[in-house]
Amino acid sequence: MGGADPEPREIENFITGLFCQYSSKFDTYGAPLMQKHELQDFLEGFTGMPHDPAIKAAVNKFDDKIAQQKETGAEIGLSLEETDQGLCLESFAELLMETGQRLPPKTMSSIIASRHYLCGGNAAILAQSMRTVGSLRGTAPLKTRQWRPTAR
């Protein structure tokens, strides 16, 4: 992997930054809220495992997390309407931890550390890279010819 493992505070800031980069809705105070398709895009891009059962389970659990938010929304400063718009950071973090528990031991922590290292801890850079790769997924490869050196 290279480099030292990031400190817990660095990881928290990194994951928070990625959450902000992937969220398109906001509550009354400007805090981001992540929709279901954004969660799926994030998890698939971040882990690189779009077909893994743990990723599918997390996406399927989205609605349960929204239901939990509705029950506790007032405690975390969300209106009933806002709880329906997407996951708050706290619910997202819980779901990410649960996803990590469904993967083999230390897999999620290894993914987080390696992604952090790859982009120097800059969540915006990683998010842009993940979106670019995600937009290429499923496209047909370009037709290419075998390379041959030109004669001089």
C-alpha atoms as a PDB file:
ATOM      1  CA  MET A   1       0.000   0.000   0.000  1.00  0.00           C
ATOM      2  CA  GLY A   2       2.790   2.418   0.808  1.00  0.00           C
ATOM      3  CA  GLY A   3       2.886   5.075   3.495  1.00  0.00           C
ATOM      4  CA  ALA A   4       1.561   4.858   7.026  1.00  0.00           C
ATOM      5  CA  ASP A   5      -2.053   4.053   7.779  1.00  0.00           C
ATOM      6  CA  PRO A   6      -4.103   7.224   8.153  1.00  0.00           C
ATOM      7  CA  GLU A   7      -5.041   8.393  11.633  1.00  0.00           C
ATOM      8  CA  PRO A   8      -8.678   7.919  12.738  1.00  0.00           C
ATOM      9  CA  ARG A   9      -9.346  11.676  12.400  1.00  0.00           C
ATOM     10  CA  GLU A  10      -7.952  11.635   8.834  1.00  0.00           C
ATOM     11  CA  ILE A  11     -10.215   8.698   7.967  1.00  0.00           C
ATOM     12  CA  GLU A  12     -13.237  10.472   9.444  1.00  0.00           C
ATOM     13  CA  ASN A  13     -12.492  13.633   7.463  1.00  0.00           C
ATOM     14  CA  PHE A  14     -11.877  11.617   4.301  1.00  0.00           C
ATOM     15  CA  ILE A  15     -15.121   9.626   4.532  1.00  0.00           C
ATOM     16  CA  THR A  16     -17.051  12.803   5.432  1.00  0.00           C
ATOM     17  CA  GLY A  17     -15.563  14.499   2.378  1.00  0.00           C
ATOM     18  CA  LEU A  18     -16.570  11.614   0.131  1.00  0.00           C
ATOM     19  CA  PHE A  19     -20.075  11.668   1.592  1.00  0.00           C
ATOM     20  CA  CYS A  20     -20.327  15.373   0.787  1.00  0.00           C
ATOM     21  CA  GLN A  21     -18.999  14.830  -2.745  1.00  0.00           C
ATOM     22  CA  TYR A  22     -21.588  12.133  -3.490  1.00  0.00           C
ATOM     23  CA  SER A  23     -24.637  13.774  -1.875  1.00  0.00           C
ATOM     24  CA  SER A  24     -26.918  15.989  -3.950  1.00  0.00           C
ATOM     25  CA  LYS A  25     -29.637  16.909  -1.429  1.00  0.00           C
ATOM     26  CA  PHE A  26     -29.274  19.149   1.614  1.00  0.00           C
ATOM     27  CA  ASP A  27     -31.186  19.733   4.819  1.00  0.00           C
ATOM     28  CA  THR A  28     -32.319  23.158   6.050  1.00  0.00           C
ATOM     29  CA  TYR A  29     -28.894  23.831   7.557  1.00  0.00           C
ATOM     30  CA  GLY A  30     -26.971  22.839   4.429  1.00  0.00           C
ATOM     31  CA  ALA A  31     -25.878  19.412   5.659  1.00  0.00           C
ATOM     32  CA  PRO A  32     -25.726  16.856   2.826  1.00  0.00           C
ATOM     33  CA  LEU A  33     -28.206  14.015   2.410  1.00  0.00           C
ATOM     34  CA  MET A  34     -27.322  10.997   0.250  1.00  0.00           C
ATOM     35  CA  GLN A  35     -29.935   9.389  -1.995  1.00  0.00           C
ATOM     36  CA  LYS A  36     -30.126   5.655  -2.709  1.00  0.00           C
ATOM     37  CA  HIS A  37     -28.599   5.800  -6.199  1.00  0.00           C
ATOM     38  CA  GLU A  38     -25.761   7.945  -4.820  1.00  0.00           C
ATOM     39  CA  LEU A  39     -25.087   5.391  -2.088  1.00  0.00           C
ATOM     40  CA  GLN A  40     -24.942   2.625  -4.674  1.00  0.00           C
ATOM     41  CA  ASP A  41     -22.635   4.634  -6.950  1.00  0.00           C
ATOM     42  CA  PHE A  42     -20.392   5.469  -4.015  1.00  0.00           C
ATOM     43  CA  LEU A  43     -20.130   1.919  -2.652  1.00  0.00           C
ATOM     44  CA  GLU A  44     -19.554   0.363  -6.060  1.00  0.00           C
ATOM     45  CA  GLY A  45     -16.904   2.904  -7.013  1.00  0.00           C
ATOM     46  CA  PHE A  46     -15.212   3.060  -3.621  1.00  0.00           C
ATOM     47  CA  THR A  47     -14.918  -0.676  -3.088  1.00  0.00           C
ATOM     48  CA  GLY A  48     -14.520  -1.654  -6.735  1.00  0.00           C
ATOM     49  CA  MET A  49     -16.860  -4.562  -5.988  1.00  0.00           C
ATOM     50  CA  PRO A  50     -20.193  -3.710  -7.645  1.00  0.00           C
ATOM     51  CA  HIS A  51     -21.484  -7.286  -7.575  1.00  0.00           C
ATOM     52  CA  ASP A  52     -20.441  -8.147  -4.018  1.00  0.00           C
ATOM     53  CA  PRO A  53     -23.334  -9.301  -1.800  1.00  0.00           C
ATOM     54  CA  ALA A  54     -22.222  -6.892   0.957  1.00  0.00           C
ATOM     55  CA  ILE A  55     -22.633  -3.926  -1.395  1.00  0.00           C
ATOM     56  CA  LYS A  56     -26.026  -5.121  -2.596  1.00  0.00           C
ATOM     57  CA  ALA A  57     -27.128  -5.680   1.012  1.00  0.00           C
ATOM     58  CA  ALA A  58     -26.124  -2.132   1.956  1.00  0.00           C
ATOM     59  CA  VAL A  59     -28.105  -0.656  -0.930  1.00  0.00           C
ATOM     60  CA  ASN A  60     -31.082  -2.842  -0.003  1.00  0.00           C
ATOM     61  CA  LYS A  61     -30.851  -1.611   3.594  1.00  0.00           C
ATOM     62  CA  PHE A  62     -31.161   2.043   2.519  1.00  0.00           C
ATOM     63  CA  ASP A  63     -34.926   2.140   3.086  1.00  0.00           C
ATOM     64  CA  ASP A  64     -34.525   0.671   6.585  1.00  0.00           C
ATOM     65  CA  LYS A  65     -32.024   3.412   7.437  1.00  0.00           C
ATOM     66  CA  ILE A  66     -34.442   6.058   6.156  1.00  0.00           C
ATOM     67  CA  ALA A  67     -37.148   4.554   8.411  1.00  0.00           C
ATOM     68  CA  GLN A  68     -34.749   4.753  11.386  1.00  0.00           C
ATOM     69  CA  GLN A  69     -33.992   8.381  10.522  1.00  0.00           C
ATOM     70  CA  LYS A  70     -37.713   9.171  10.588  1.00  0.00           C
ATOM     71  CA  GLU A  71     -37.874   7.892  14.159  1.00  0.00           C
ATOM     72  CA  THR A  72     -34.828   9.850  15.338  1.00  0.00           C
ATOM     73  CA  GLY A  73     -34.891  12.789  12.911  1.00  0.00           C
ATOM     74  CA  ALA A  74     -35.808  15.373  15.533  1.00  0.00           C
ATOM     75  CA  GLU A  75     -32.856  14.275  17.687  1.00  0.00           C
ATOM     76  CA  ILE A  76     -30.414  14.880  14.835  1.00  0.00           C
ATOM     77  CA  GLY A  77     -32.061  18.079  13.616  1.00  0.00           C
ATOM     78  CA  LEU A  78     -33.947  16.768  10.580  1.00  0.00           C
ATOM     79  CA  SER A  79     -37.567  17.459   9.754  1.00  0.00           C
ATOM     80  CA  LEU A  80     -39.795  14.543   8.767  1.00  0.00           C
ATOM     81  CA  GLU A  81     -39.644  15.713   5.150  1.00  0.00           C
ATOM     82  CA  GLU A  82     -35.831  15.878   5.234  1.00  0.00           C
ATOM     83  CA  THR A  83     -35.483  12.368   6.660  1.00  0.00           C
ATOM     84  CA  ASP A  84     -37.133  11.091   3.479  1.00  0.00           C
ATOM     85  CA  GLN A  85     -34.739  12.905   1.117  1.00  0.00           C
ATOM     86  CA  GLY A  86     -31.646  10.841   1.884  1.00  0.00           C
ATOM     87  CA  LEU A  87     -29.232   9.496   4.450  1.00  0.00           C
ATOM     88  CA  CYS A  88     -27.621  11.933   6.829  1.00  0.00           C
ATOM     89  CA  LEU A  89     -23.901  11.508   7.546  1.00  0.00           C
ATOM     90  CA  GLU A  90     -24.550   9.539  10.747  1.00  0.00           C
ATOM     91  CA  SER A  91     -26.812   7.007   8.978  1.00  0.00           C
ATOM     92  CA  PHE A  92     -24.349   6.733   6.094  1.00  0.00           C
ATOM     93  CA  ALA A  93     -21.468   6.059   8.513  1.00  0.00           C
ATOM     94  CA  GLU A  94     -23.496   3.335  10.253  1.00  0.00           C
ATOM     95  CA  LEU A  95     -24.316   1.720   6.915  1.00  0.00           C
ATOM     96  CA  LEU A  96     -20.670   1.896   5.816  1.00  0.00           C
ATOM     97  CA  MET A  97     -19.575   0.193   9.054  1.00  0.00           C
ATOM     98  CA  GLU A  98     -22.237  -2.493   8.622  1.00  0.00           C
ATOM     99  CA  THR A  99     -21.033  -3.052   5.056  1.00  0.00           C
ATOM    100  CA  GLY A 100     -17.483  -3.472   6.321  1.00  0.00           C
ATOM    101  CA  GLN A 101     -18.686  -6.103   8.782  1.00  0.00           C
ATOM    102  CA  ARG A 102     -20.189  -8.113   5.917  1.00  0.00           C
ATOM    103  CA  LEU A 103     -16.844  -8.189   4.101  1.00  0.00           C
ATOM    104  CA  PRO A 104     -13.880 -10.368   5.086  1.00  0.00           C
ATOM    105  CA  PRO A 105     -12.023  -9.034   8.159  1.00  0.00           C
ATOM    106  CA  LYS A 106     -10.058  -5.825   7.591  1.00  0.00           C
ATOM    107  CA  THR A 107     -11.205  -5.516   3.954  1.00  0.00           C
ATOM    108  CA  MET A 108     -13.021  -2.200   4.420  1.00  0.00           C
ATOM    109  CA  SER A 109     -10.227  -0.684   6.503  1.00  0.00           C
ATOM    110  CA  SER A 110      -7.741  -1.752   3.830  1.00  0.00           C
ATOM    111  CA  ILE A 111      -9.899  -0.217   1.085  1.00  0.00           C
ATOM    112  CA  ILE A 112     -10.221   3.040   3.020  1.00  0.00           C
ATOM    113  CA  ALA A 113      -6.481   3.229   3.698  1.00  0.00           C
ATOM    114  CA  SER A 114      -5.530   2.455   0.095  1.00  0.00           C
ATOM    115  CA  ARG A 115      -8.017   4.973  -1.364  1.00  0.00           C
ATOM    116  CA  HIS A 116      -6.803   7.587   1.101  1.00  0.00           C
ATOM    117  CA  TYR A 117      -3.226   6.935   0.033  1.00  0.00           C
ATOM    118  CA  LEU A 118      -4.027   6.992  -3.705  1.00  0.00           C
ATOM    119  CA  CYS A 119      -5.501  10.477  -3.613  1.00  0.00           C
ATOM    120  CA  GLY A 120      -3.397  11.902  -0.812  1.00  0.00           C
ATOM    121  CA  GLY A 121      -6.476  12.154   1.394  1.00  0.00           C
ATOM    122  CA  ASN A 122      -8.249  14.490  -1.039  1.00  0.00           C
ATOM    123  CA  ALA A 123     -11.866  13.275  -1.205  1.00  0.00           C
ATOM    124  CA  ALA A 124     -12.714  15.541  -4.161  1.00  0.00           C
ATOM    125  CA  ILE A 125      -9.976  13.982  -6.299  1.00  0.00           C
ATOM    126  CA  LEU A 126     -11.056  10.448  -5.439  1.00  0.00           C
ATOM    127  CA  ALA A 127     -14.748  11.223  -6.019  1.00  0.00           C
ATOM    128  CA  GLN A 128     -13.992  12.654  -9.458  1.00  0.00           C
ATOM    129  CA  SER A 129     -11.891   9.618 -10.351  1.00  0.00           C
ATOM    130  CA  MET A 130     -14.576   7.220  -9.144  1.00  0.00           C
ATOM    131  CA  ARG A 131     -17.231   9.028 -11.186  1.00  0.00           C
ATOM    132  CA  THR A 132     -15.046   8.935 -14.283  1.00  0.00           C
ATOM    133  CA  VAL A 133     -14.412   5.223 -13.942  1.00  0.00           C
ATOM    134  CA  GLY A 134     -18.084   4.636 -13.160  1.00  0.00           C
ATOM    135  CA  SER A 135     -19.151   6.454 -16.303  1.00  0.00           C
ATOM    136  CA  LEU A 136     -16.853   4.211 -18.351  1.00  0.00           C
ATOM    137  CA  ARG A 137     -18.245   1.026 -16.817  1.00  0.00           C
ATOM    138  CA  GLY A 138     -20.465  -0.754 -19.284  1.00  0.00           C
ATOM    139  CA  THR A 139     -19.267   1.127 -22.337  1.00  0.00           C
ATOM    140  CA  ALA A 140     -17.996  -0.843 -25.295  1.00  0.00           C
ATOM    141  CA  PRO A 141     -14.220  -0.910 -25.632  1.00  0.00           C
ATOM    142  CA  LEU A 142     -12.778   1.074 -28.484  1.00  0.00           C
ATOM    143  CA  LYS A 143     -11.801  -0.867 -31.562  1.00  0.00           C
ATOM    144  CA  THR A 144      -8.059  -0.829 -31.793  1.00  0.00           C
ATOM    145  CA  ARG A 145      -5.448  -2.181 -34.098  1.00  0.00           C
ATOM    146  CA  GLN A 146      -2.320  -3.905 -33.061  1.00  0.00           C
ATOM    147  CA  TRP A 147       0.485  -1.389 -32.749  1.00  0.00           C
ATOM    148  CA  ARG A 148       3.341  -1.736 -35.198  1.00  0.00           C
ATOM    149  CA  PRO A 149       6.379   0.469 -35.361  1.00  0.00           C
ATOM    150  CA  THR A 150       6.609   2.632 -38.425  1.00  0.00           C
ATOM    151  CA  ALA A 151       9.412   1.904 -40.829  1.00  0.00           C
ATOM    152  CA  ARG A 152      11.935   4.634 -41.343  1.00  0.00           C
END
